[in-house]
């Protein structure tokens, strides 16, 4: 988990800003990756729940950009 607020994005991956425009079958959604990393910056660890933005992996061409109820509860507990 980044303690200094920095986010890491692997340059070796194919990143897409818009999956409807990017045609690569191995593209990763950049907004989803950023949301995942923001979850870590806010203090969340990886989650075992597939619906969580901090689930450890995201498949090619998948989007996950909304914190689920458990993500929100975890963040609220950290900041209460």
Protein backbone atom coordinates (compact mmCIF):
# COMPACT_ATOMS: atom_id res chain seq x y z
CA UNK A 1 0.00 0.00 0.00
CA UNK A 2 1.50 3.36 -0.93
CA UNK A 3 2.26 5.37 2.16
CA UNK A 4 3.28 8.50 0.30
CA UNK A 5 0.21 8.88 -1.91
CA UNK A 6 1.95 7.74 -5.08
CA UNK A 7 0.27 5.44 -7.56
CA UNK A 8 2.05 2.95 -9.80
CA UNK A 9 0.80 2.07 -13.28
CA UNK A 10 2.71 -0.66 -15.09
CA UNK A 11 4.03 0.75 -18.37
CA UNK A 12 4.27 -2.75 -19.86
CA UNK A 13 0.48 -3.11 -20.02
CA UNK A 14 -1.77 -1.86 -22.77
CA UNK A 15 -3.90 0.88 -21.18
CA UNK A 16 -7.17 2.19 -22.55
CA UNK A 17 -8.86 5.45 -21.72
CA UNK A 18 -11.95 4.40 -23.64
CA UNK A 19 -12.59 0.69 -24.12
CA UNK A 20 -15.17 1.37 -26.81
CA UNK A 21 -12.44 2.98 -28.93
CA UNK A 22 -9.46 0.81 -27.93
CA UNK A 23 -9.70 -2.45 -29.87
CA UNK A 24 -6.86 -4.42 -28.28
CA UNK A 25 -8.15 -7.62 -26.66
CA UNK A 26 -5.51 -7.26 -23.93
CA UNK A 27 -6.24 -3.65 -22.98
CA UNK A 28 -6.76 -2.68 -19.36
CA UNK A 29 -9.07 0.14 -18.35
CA UNK A 30 -6.95 2.99 -16.99
CA UNK A 31 -9.78 4.51 -14.94
CA UNK A 32 -10.36 1.16 -13.23
CA UNK A 33 -6.67 0.86 -12.37
CA UNK A 34 -6.65 4.42 -11.02
CA UNK A 35 -9.76 3.73 -8.93
CA UNK A 36 -8.08 0.60 -7.53
CA UNK A 37 -4.95 2.56 -6.62
CA UNK A 38 -6.99 5.39 -5.10
CA UNK A 39 -8.60 2.77 -2.87
CA UNK A 40 -5.12 1.89 -1.63
CA UNK A 41 -4.19 5.55 -1.16
CA UNK A 42 -7.31 5.88 1.00
CA UNK A 43 -6.10 2.98 3.13
CA UNK A 44 -7.89 -0.07 1.74
CA UNK A 45 -6.04 -3.35 1.42
CA UNK A 46 -6.82 -5.90 -1.27
CA UNK A 47 -10.27 -7.39 -0.87
CA UNK A 48 -11.44 -10.95 -1.39
CA UNK A 49 -14.73 -9.63 -2.79
CA UNK A 50 -14.77 -9.62 -6.59
CA UNK A 51 -17.07 -6.58 -6.58
CA UNK A 52 -14.54 -4.48 -4.66
CA UNK A 53 -12.37 -1.99 -6.52
CA UNK A 54 -9.44 -3.33 -4.49
CA UNK A 55 -9.91 -6.92 -5.61
CA UNK A 56 -6.34 -7.96 -6.53
CA UNK A 57 -6.93 -8.46 -10.24
CA UNK A 58 -8.96 -7.10 -13.11
CA UNK A 59 -9.27 -8.87 -16.41
CA UNK A 60 -8.62 -7.48 -19.84
CA UNK A 61 -11.31 -5.11 -21.08
CA UNK A 62 -13.11 -5.01 -17.71
CA UNK A 63 -14.27 -1.85 -15.93
CA UNK A 64 -14.64 -1.37 -12.20
CA UNK A 65 -14.82 2.29 -11.26
CA UNK A 66 -17.33 2.46 -8.42
CA UNK A 67 -16.59 1.72 -4.79
CA UNK A 68 -19.00 -0.90 -3.46
CA UNK A 69 -20.73 -0.60 -0.09
CA UNK A 70 -17.95 -2.54 1.66
CA UNK A 71 -15.26 -0.33 0.15
CA UNK A 72 -17.13 2.74 1.39
CA UNK A 73 -17.61 1.23 4.85
CA UNK A 74 -13.92 0.40 5.05
CA UNK A 75 -12.93 3.94 4.11
CA UNK A 76 -15.42 5.40 6.59
CA UNK A 77 -14.01 3.21 9.38
CA UNK A 78 -10.48 4.36 8.57
CA UNK A 79 -11.44 8.02 8.74
CA UNK A 80 -13.91 7.98 11.64
